[in-house]
Amino acid sequence: MSTGPALADLAVGQEVARRTVAVDRARLVRYAGASGDFNPIHWNERVATSVGLPGVIAHGMWTMGAAVAVVVDWAGDPGAVVDYQTRFTRPVPVPDPGAAEVEVVAAVGALDPEAGTVRVDLTVTVEGARVLGKAQAVVRLA
């Protein structure tokens, strides 16, 4: 018995998940340690601004991962996500003190009953501005 979503219950345009994810400087440091990406633009304000950034920014791969986690949780199985692609359109500035709020909305973009898949389109924004473009995950449903 499947506990995840059923293809037959979905419609193009239907919102399937929504989440706000906070990212602060401490999370960036933990991500740097886990990923091995110690680029100082992700932790040093002086370096970030010296290269023209608005300040310290979140790792692009952190943002990408935070967005697809919404789809993984909705699907109920990380192995159900068979493809995931995006474009990085804008950096995510992370204030100090405080946190950036990354808003993720997942909606059905296309259904493929023959393949048993759904394309989930993600709208990923910070303060109303898109930070990921053409973010799409293909999910195989049971």
N, C-alpha and C. Protein backbone atom coordinates (compact mmCIF):
# COMPACT_ATOMS: atom_id res chain seq x y z
N MET A 1 0.83 -1.17 0.00
CA MET A 1 0.00 0.00 0.00
C MET A 1 0.89 1.24 0.00
N SER A 2 0.69 2.14 -0.97
CA SER A 2 1.48 3.36 -1.09
C SER A 2 0.92 4.45 -0.19
N THR A 3 1.82 5.18 0.44
CA THR A 3 1.38 6.28 1.27
C THR A 3 1.65 7.62 0.59
N GLY A 4 2.32 7.59 -0.55
CA GLY A 4 2.63 8.81 -1.28
C GLY A 4 1.47 9.23 -2.16
N PRO A 5 1.67 10.32 -2.89
CA PRO A 5 0.61 10.82 -3.78
C PRO A 5 0.35 9.85 -4.94
N ALA A 6 -0.85 9.90 -5.46
CA ALA A 6 -1.23 9.07 -6.60
C ALA A 6 -1.37 9.96 -7.83
N LEU A 7 -0.84 9.50 -8.94
CA LEU A 7 -0.89 10.25 -10.19
C LEU A 7 -2.33 10.63 -10.57
N ALA A 8 -3.25 9.71 -10.37
CA ALA A 8 -4.65 9.93 -10.74
C ALA A 8 -5.30 11.06 -9.95
N ASP A 9 -4.73 11.40 -8.79
CA ASP A 9 -5.31 12.45 -7.95
C ASP A 9 -4.75 13.83 -8.25
N LEU A 10 -3.86 13.93 -9.25
CA LEU A 10 -3.18 15.20 -9.53
C LEU A 10 -3.71 15.87 -10.79
N ALA A 11 -3.59 17.18 -10.82
CA ALA A 11 -3.99 17.97 -11.99
C ALA A 11 -2.93 19.03 -12.25
N VAL A 12 -2.70 19.34 -13.52
CA VAL A 12 -1.75 20.39 -13.88
C VAL A 12 -2.19 21.70 -13.23
N GLY A 13 -1.23 22.38 -12.60
CA GLY A 13 -1.48 23.63 -11.92
C GLY A 13 -1.75 23.47 -10.43
N GLN A 14 -2.01 22.26 -10.00
CA GLN A 14 -2.33 22.00 -8.59
C GLN A 14 -1.10 22.21 -7.70
N GLU A 15 -1.25 23.01 -6.66
CA GLU A 15 -0.17 23.17 -5.68
C GLU A 15 -0.13 21.91 -4.82
N VAL A 16 1.06 21.33 -4.68
CA VAL A 16 1.19 20.10 -3.90
C VAL A 16 1.98 20.29 -2.61
N ALA A 17 2.75 21.36 -2.52
CA ALA A 17 3.53 21.60 -1.30
C ALA A 17 3.97 23.05 -1.25
N ARG A 18 4.22 23.51 -0.02
CA ARG A 18 4.69 24.87 0.20
C ARG A 18 5.48 24.85 1.51
N ARG A 19 6.59 25.56 1.51
CA ARG A 19 7.40 25.61 2.73
C ARG A 19 8.27 26.86 2.71
N THR A 20 8.50 27.41 3.89
CA THR A 20 9.49 28.47 4.06
C THR A 20 10.67 27.89 4.82
N VAL A 21 11.86 28.07 4.28
CA VAL A 21 13.08 27.54 4.89
C VAL A 21 13.97 28.71 5.27
N ALA A 22 14.36 28.76 6.53
CA ALA A 22 15.24 29.82 7.01
C ALA A 22 16.69 29.39 6.88
N VAL A 23 17.53 30.32 6.43
CA VAL A 23 18.97 30.05 6.37
C VAL A 23 19.69 31.21 7.04
N ASP A 24 20.49 30.85 8.05
CA ASP A 24 21.28 31.86 8.75
C ASP A 24 22.77 31.53 8.57
N ARG A 25 23.62 32.37 9.12
CA ARG A 25 25.06 32.19 8.95
C ARG A 25 25.54 30.87 9.55
N ALA A 26 24.97 30.46 10.66
CA ALA A 26 25.37 29.19 11.28
C ALA A 26 25.07 28.02 10.35
N ARG A 27 23.93 28.06 9.67
CA ARG A 27 23.59 26.99 8.73
C ARG A 27 24.58 26.98 7.56
N LEU A 28 25.00 28.16 7.12
CA LEU A 28 25.99 28.22 6.03
C LEU A 28 27.31 27.59 6.44
N VAL A 29 27.73 27.83 7.67
CA VAL A 29 28.99 27.25 8.16
C VAL A 29 28.86 25.72 8.22
N ARG A 30 27.72 25.24 8.71
CA ARG A 30 27.51 23.78 8.77
C ARG A 30 27.49 23.18 7.36
N TYR A 31 26.83 23.88 6.42
CA TYR A 31 26.79 23.38 5.05
C TYR A 31 28.19 23.37 4.43
N ALA A 32 28.97 24.41 4.70
CA ALA A 32 30.33 24.45 4.17
C ALA A 32 31.12 23.24 4.65
N GLY A 33 30.98 22.92 5.92
CA GLY A 33 31.69 21.76 6.46
C GLY A 33 31.23 20.46 5.84
N ALA A 34 29.94 20.32 5.61
CA ALA A 34 29.40 19.09 5.03
C ALA A 34 29.76 18.95 3.55
N SER A 35 29.78 20.09 2.85
CA SER A 35 29.98 20.04 1.39
C SER A 35 31.44 20.21 0.99
N GLY A 36 32.23 20.79 1.88
CA GLY A 36 33.62 21.08 1.53
C GLY A 36 33.77 22.39 0.75
N ASP A 37 32.68 23.16 0.62
CA ASP A 37 32.72 24.43 -0.10
C ASP A 37 32.95 25.56 0.90
N PHE A 38 34.21 25.93 1.08
CA PHE A 38 34.57 26.96 2.05
C PHE A 38 34.84 28.31 1.39
N ASN A 39 34.27 28.55 0.23
CA ASN A 39 34.43 29.84 -0.44
C ASN A 39 34.03 30.94 0.54
N PRO A 40 34.89 31.93 0.75
CA PRO A 40 34.59 32.95 1.77
C PRO A 40 33.37 33.82 1.46
N ILE A 41 32.85 33.82 0.24
CA ILE A 41 31.63 34.59 -0.04
C ILE A 41 30.44 34.04 0.74
N HIS A 42 30.60 32.83 1.29
CA HIS A 42 29.52 32.20 2.05
C HIS A 42 29.66 32.41 3.55
N TRP A 43 30.71 33.12 3.99
CA TRP A 43 30.86 33.35 5.43
C TRP A 43 31.56 34.65 5.80
N ASN A 44 32.21 35.32 4.84
CA ASN A 44 32.98 36.52 5.15
C ASN A 44 32.39 37.73 4.43
N GLU A 45 31.80 38.64 5.20
CA GLU A 45 31.13 39.82 4.64
C GLU A 45 32.08 40.67 3.79
N ARG A 46 33.28 40.88 4.29
CA ARG A 46 34.26 41.72 3.58
C ARG A 46 34.58 41.14 2.21
N VAL A 47 34.84 39.86 2.15
CA VAL A 47 35.16 39.22 0.87
C VAL A 47 33.95 39.27 -0.07
N ALA A 48 32.77 38.97 0.46
CA ALA A 48 31.56 38.96 -0.37
C ALA A 48 31.32 40.32 -1.00
N THR A 49 31.40 41.38 -0.20
CA THR A 49 31.14 42.71 -0.76
C THR A 49 32.26 43.17 -1.68
N SER A 50 33.50 42.70 -1.43
CA SER A 50 34.62 43.11 -2.29
C SER A 50 34.51 42.56 -3.71
N VAL A 51 33.72 41.49 -3.89
CA VAL A 51 33.52 40.94 -5.23
C VAL A 51 32.16 41.33 -5.81
N GLY A 52 31.53 42.33 -5.19
CA GLY A 52 30.30 42.89 -5.75
C GLY A 52 29.00 42.26 -5.29
N LEU A 53 29.06 41.39 -4.32
CA LEU A 53 27.83 40.78 -3.79
C LEU A 53 27.22 41.70 -2.73
N PRO A 54 25.93 41.54 -2.46
CA PRO A 54 25.28 42.39 -1.46
C PRO A 54 25.72 42.07 -0.03
N GLY A 55 26.44 41.00 0.14
CA GLY A 55 26.89 40.50 1.44
C GLY A 55 27.09 39.01 1.31
N VAL A 56 27.22 38.33 2.43
CA VAL A 56 27.36 36.88 2.43
C VAL A 56 26.13 36.27 1.77
N ILE A 57 26.36 35.28 0.91
CA ILE A 57 25.25 34.61 0.23
C ILE A 57 25.25 33.11 0.53
N ALA A 58 24.06 32.53 0.45
CA ALA A 58 23.92 31.09 0.64
C ALA A 58 24.55 30.36 -0.54
N HIS A 59 25.05 29.18 -0.28
CA HIS A 59 25.57 28.32 -1.34
C HIS A 59 24.42 28.01 -2.32
N GLY A 60 24.69 28.08 -3.60
CA GLY A 60 23.67 27.75 -4.59
C GLY A 60 23.17 26.33 -4.43
N MET A 61 24.08 25.41 -4.14
CA MET A 61 23.67 24.02 -3.98
C MET A 61 22.82 23.82 -2.72
N TRP A 62 23.05 24.63 -1.67
CA TRP A 62 22.18 24.56 -0.51
C TRP A 62 20.76 24.97 -0.90
N THR A 63 20.66 26.08 -1.65
CA THR A 63 19.35 26.57 -2.07
C THR A 63 18.64 25.52 -2.93
N MET A 64 19.38 24.94 -3.86
CA MET A 64 18.83 23.91 -4.74
C MET A 64 18.33 22.71 -3.91
N GLY A 65 19.12 22.29 -2.95
CA GLY A 65 18.75 21.16 -2.11
C GLY A 65 17.57 21.45 -1.21
N ALA A 66 17.53 22.66 -0.64
CA ALA A 66 16.41 23.05 0.22
C ALA A 66 15.11 23.04 -0.58
N ALA A 67 15.18 23.46 -1.83
CA ALA A 67 13.98 23.50 -2.67
C ALA A 67 13.47 22.09 -2.99
N VAL A 68 14.37 21.21 -3.40
CA VAL A 68 13.91 19.87 -3.79
C VAL A 68 13.48 19.04 -2.58
N ALA A 69 13.96 19.39 -1.39
CA ALA A 69 13.53 18.67 -0.18
C ALA A 69 12.02 18.74 0.00
N VAL A 70 11.43 19.84 -0.44
CA VAL A 70 9.97 19.99 -0.36
C VAL A 70 9.29 18.91 -1.22
N VAL A 71 9.84 18.66 -2.40
CA VAL A 71 9.29 17.64 -3.30
C VAL A 71 9.52 16.25 -2.73
N VAL A 72 10.71 16.00 -2.20
CA VAL A 72 11.03 14.70 -1.61
C VAL A 72 10.06 14.38 -0.48
N ASP A 73 9.81 15.36 0.38
CA ASP A 73 8.88 15.13 1.50
C ASP A 73 7.47 14.86 0.98
N TRP A 74 7.04 15.60 -0.04
CA TRP A 74 5.71 15.38 -0.61
C TRP A 74 5.60 13.98 -1.22
N ALA A 75 6.63 13.57 -1.97
CA ALA A 75 6.61 12.26 -2.63
C ALA A 75 6.72 11.12 -1.62
N GLY A 76 7.38 11.37 -0.50
CA GLY A 76 7.52 10.34 0.52
C GLY A 76 8.67 9.39 0.29
N ASP A 77 9.49 9.64 -0.75
CA ASP A 77 10.59 8.74 -1.09
C ASP A 77 11.62 9.51 -1.91
N PRO A 78 12.84 9.69 -1.40
CA PRO A 78 13.84 10.43 -2.17
C PRO A 78 14.16 9.75 -3.51
N GLY A 79 14.02 8.44 -3.57
CA GLY A 79 14.28 7.72 -4.81
C GLY A 79 13.23 7.95 -5.89
N ALA A 80 12.11 8.55 -5.51
CA ALA A 80 11.05 8.83 -6.49
C ALA A 80 11.42 10.00 -7.40
N VAL A 81 12.33 10.86 -6.94
CA VAL A 81 12.77 11.99 -7.76
C VAL A 81 13.80 11.45 -8.75
N VAL A 82 13.39 11.37 -10.03
CA VAL A 82 14.26 10.77 -11.04
C VAL A 82 15.02 11.81 -11.87
N ASP A 83 14.64 13.08 -11.74
CA ASP A 83 15.36 14.15 -12.43
C ASP A 83 15.07 15.45 -11.70
N TYR A 84 16.09 16.30 -11.63
CA TYR A 84 15.91 17.61 -10.99
C TYR A 84 16.88 18.57 -11.65
N GLN A 85 16.34 19.69 -12.11
CA GLN A 85 17.16 20.68 -12.77
C GLN A 85 16.70 22.07 -12.37
N THR A 86 17.64 23.00 -12.41
CA THR A 86 17.30 24.39 -12.14
C THR A 86 18.37 25.30 -12.72
N ARG A 87 18.05 26.58 -12.72
CA ARG A 87 19.02 27.61 -13.06
C ARG A 87 19.12 28.54 -11.85
N PHE A 88 20.33 28.96 -11.55
CA PHE A 88 20.53 29.91 -10.47
C PHE A 88 20.34 31.31 -11.05
N THR A 89 19.34 32.03 -10.57
CA THR A 89 19.00 33.32 -11.16
C THR A 89 19.40 34.51 -10.30
N ARG A 90 19.53 34.30 -9.00
CA ARG A 90 19.84 35.41 -8.10
C ARG A 90 20.41 34.83 -6.81
N PRO A 91 21.41 35.50 -6.22
CA PRO A 91 21.95 34.99 -4.96
C PRO A 91 20.97 35.19 -3.80
N VAL A 92 21.17 34.42 -2.75
CA VAL A 92 20.36 34.51 -1.54
C VAL A 92 21.23 35.18 -0.47
N PRO A 93 21.07 36.50 -0.26
CA PRO A 93 21.84 37.17 0.79
C PRO A 93 21.37 36.71 2.16
N VAL A 94 22.33 36.47 3.04
CA VAL A 94 22.01 35.99 4.39
C VAL A 94 22.47 37.04 5.39
N PRO A 95 21.51 37.71 6.06
CA PRO A 95 21.86 38.80 6.96
C PRO A 95 22.54 38.32 8.24
N ASP A 96 23.19 39.26 8.91
CA ASP A 96 23.78 38.97 10.21
C ASP A 96 23.55 40.18 11.08
N PRO A 97 22.73 40.06 12.11
CA PRO A 97 22.05 38.85 12.55
C PRO A 97 20.81 38.56 11.71
N GLY A 98 20.22 37.43 11.97
CA GLY A 98 18.97 37.08 11.30
C GLY A 98 19.14 35.93 10.33
N ALA A 99 18.14 35.80 9.47
CA ALA A 99 18.13 34.71 8.50
C ALA A 99 17.39 35.16 7.25
N ALA A 100 17.74 34.56 6.15
CA ALA A 100 16.97 34.74 4.91
C ALA A 100 15.85 33.71 4.93
N GLU A 101 14.70 34.10 4.43
CA GLU A 101 13.55 33.20 4.35
C GLU A 101 13.37 32.79 2.89
N VAL A 102 13.59 31.52 2.60
CA VAL A 102 13.45 31.00 1.24
C VAL A 102 12.07 30.35 1.14
N GLU A 103 11.23 30.90 0.27
CA GLU A 103 9.86 30.40 0.09
C GLU A 103 9.85 29.45 -1.11
N VAL A 104 9.34 28.23 -0.90
CA VAL A 104 9.27 27.23 -1.96
C VAL A 104 7.81 26.83 -2.16
N VAL A 105 7.34 26.95 -3.40
CA VAL A 105 5.99 26.50 -3.75
C VAL A 105 6.14 25.47 -4.87
N ALA A 106 5.57 24.29 -4.66
CA ALA A 106 5.65 23.20 -5.64
C ALA A 106 4.27 22.98 -6.24
N ALA A 107 4.23 22.95 -7.57
CA ALA A 107 2.96 22.75 -8.27
C ALA A 107 3.16 21.77 -9.43
N VAL A 108 2.11 21.08 -9.78
CA VAL A 108 2.16 20.13 -10.89
C VAL A 108 2.31 20.91 -12.20
N GLY A 109 3.37 20.60 -12.94
CA GLY A 109 3.61 21.26 -14.22
C GLY A 109 3.17 20.41 -15.40
N ALA A 110 3.28 19.09 -15.24
CA ALA A 110 2.90 18.17 -16.31
C ALA A 110 2.72 16.77 -15.73
N LEU A 111 1.84 16.02 -16.36
CA LEU A 111 1.60 14.63 -15.98
C LEU A 111 1.92 13.73 -17.16
N ASP A 112 2.56 12.61 -16.89
CA ASP A 112 2.84 11.62 -17.93
C ASP A 112 2.36 10.27 -17.43
N PRO A 113 1.06 9.97 -17.65
CA PRO A 113 0.50 8.71 -17.14
C PRO A 113 1.21 7.47 -17.69
N GLU A 114 1.66 7.55 -18.94
CA GLU A 114 2.35 6.39 -19.54
C GLU A 114 3.64 6.06 -18.80
N ALA A 115 4.40 7.08 -18.45
CA ALA A 115 5.65 6.88 -17.72
C ALA A 115 5.43 6.78 -16.22
N GLY A 116 4.24 7.18 -15.75
CA GLY A 116 3.96 7.17 -14.31
C GLY A 116 4.67 8.29 -13.57
N THR A 117 4.89 9.42 -14.27
CA THR A 117 5.63 10.52 -13.66
C THR A 117 4.83 11.82 -13.66
N VAL A 118 5.23 12.69 -12.76
CA VAL A 118 4.70 14.04 -12.68
C VAL A 118 5.90 14.99 -12.67
N ARG A 119 5.78 16.07 -13.43
CA ARG A 119 6.80 17.12 -13.35
C ARG A 119 6.30 18.14 -12.35
N VAL A 120 7.10 18.38 -11.34
CA VAL A 120 6.75 19.35 -10.31
C VAL A 120 7.58 20.60 -10.56
N ASP A 121 6.90 21.71 -10.76
CA ASP A 121 7.56 23.00 -10.98
C ASP A 121 7.66 23.72 -9.65
N LEU A 122 8.86 24.23 -9.37
CA LEU A 122 9.11 24.90 -8.11
C LEU A 122 9.29 26.40 -8.33
N THR A 123 8.59 27.17 -7.54
CA THR A 123 8.80 28.62 -7.50
C THR A 123 9.56 28.88 -6.21
N VAL A 124 10.79 29.38 -6.34
CA VAL A 124 11.66 29.57 -5.18
C VAL A 124 12.03 31.04 -5.11
N THR A 125 11.60 31.69 -4.03
CA THR A 125 11.78 33.13 -3.91
C THR A 125 12.33 33.53 -2.55
N VAL A 126 12.96 34.70 -2.52
CA VAL A 126 13.38 35.36 -1.29
C VAL A 126 12.89 36.80 -1.40
N GLU A 127 12.08 37.22 -0.44
CA GLU A 127 11.49 38.55 -0.45
C GLU A 127 10.81 38.86 -1.79
N GLY A 128 10.12 37.86 -2.34
CA GLY A 128 9.36 38.03 -3.57
C GLY A 128 10.16 37.91 -4.86
N ALA A 129 11.49 37.81 -4.78
CA ALA A 129 12.33 37.71 -5.98
C ALA A 129 12.74 36.25 -6.20
N ARG A 130 12.59 35.79 -7.44
CA ARG A 130 12.99 34.41 -7.75
C ARG A 130 14.49 34.24 -7.64
N VAL A 131 14.89 33.19 -6.93
CA VAL A 131 16.32 32.90 -6.78
C VAL A 131 16.72 31.65 -7.57
N LEU A 132 15.75 30.84 -7.95
CA LEU A 132 15.97 29.72 -8.86
C LEU A 132 15.00 29.87 -10.02
N GLY A 133 15.47 29.60 -11.22
CA GLY A 133 14.62 29.66 -12.40
C GLY A 133 14.47 28.29 -13.01
N LYS A 134 13.33 28.04 -13.62
CA LYS A 134 13.05 26.76 -14.28
C LYS A 134 13.43 25.58 -13.40
N ALA A 135 13.06 25.68 -12.13
CA ALA A 135 13.32 24.59 -11.19
C ALA A 135 12.23 23.54 -11.38
N GLN A 136 12.65 22.36 -11.82
CA GLN A 136 11.68 21.29 -12.12
C GLN A 136 12.22 19.95 -11.64
N ALA A 137 11.34 19.20 -11.00
CA ALA A 137 11.68 17.84 -10.56
C ALA A 137 10.71 16.88 -11.22
N VAL A 138 11.23 15.79 -11.72
CA VAL A 138 10.37 14.72 -12.27
C VAL A 138 10.30 13.64 -11.21
N VAL A 139 9.06 13.27 -10.84
CA VAL A 139 8.83 12.32 -9.77
C VAL A 139 8.05 11.12 -10.33
N ARG A 140 8.58 9.93 -10.07
CA ARG A 140 7.88 8.70 -10.46
C ARG A 140 7.00 8.28 -9.30
N LEU A 141 5.72 8.15 -9.57
CA LEU A 141 4.78 7.77 -8.53
C LEU A 141 4.35 6.32 -8.69
N ALA A 142 4.08 5.68 -7.56
CA ALA A 142 3.68 4.27 -7.58
C ALA A 142 2.29 4.12 -8.16
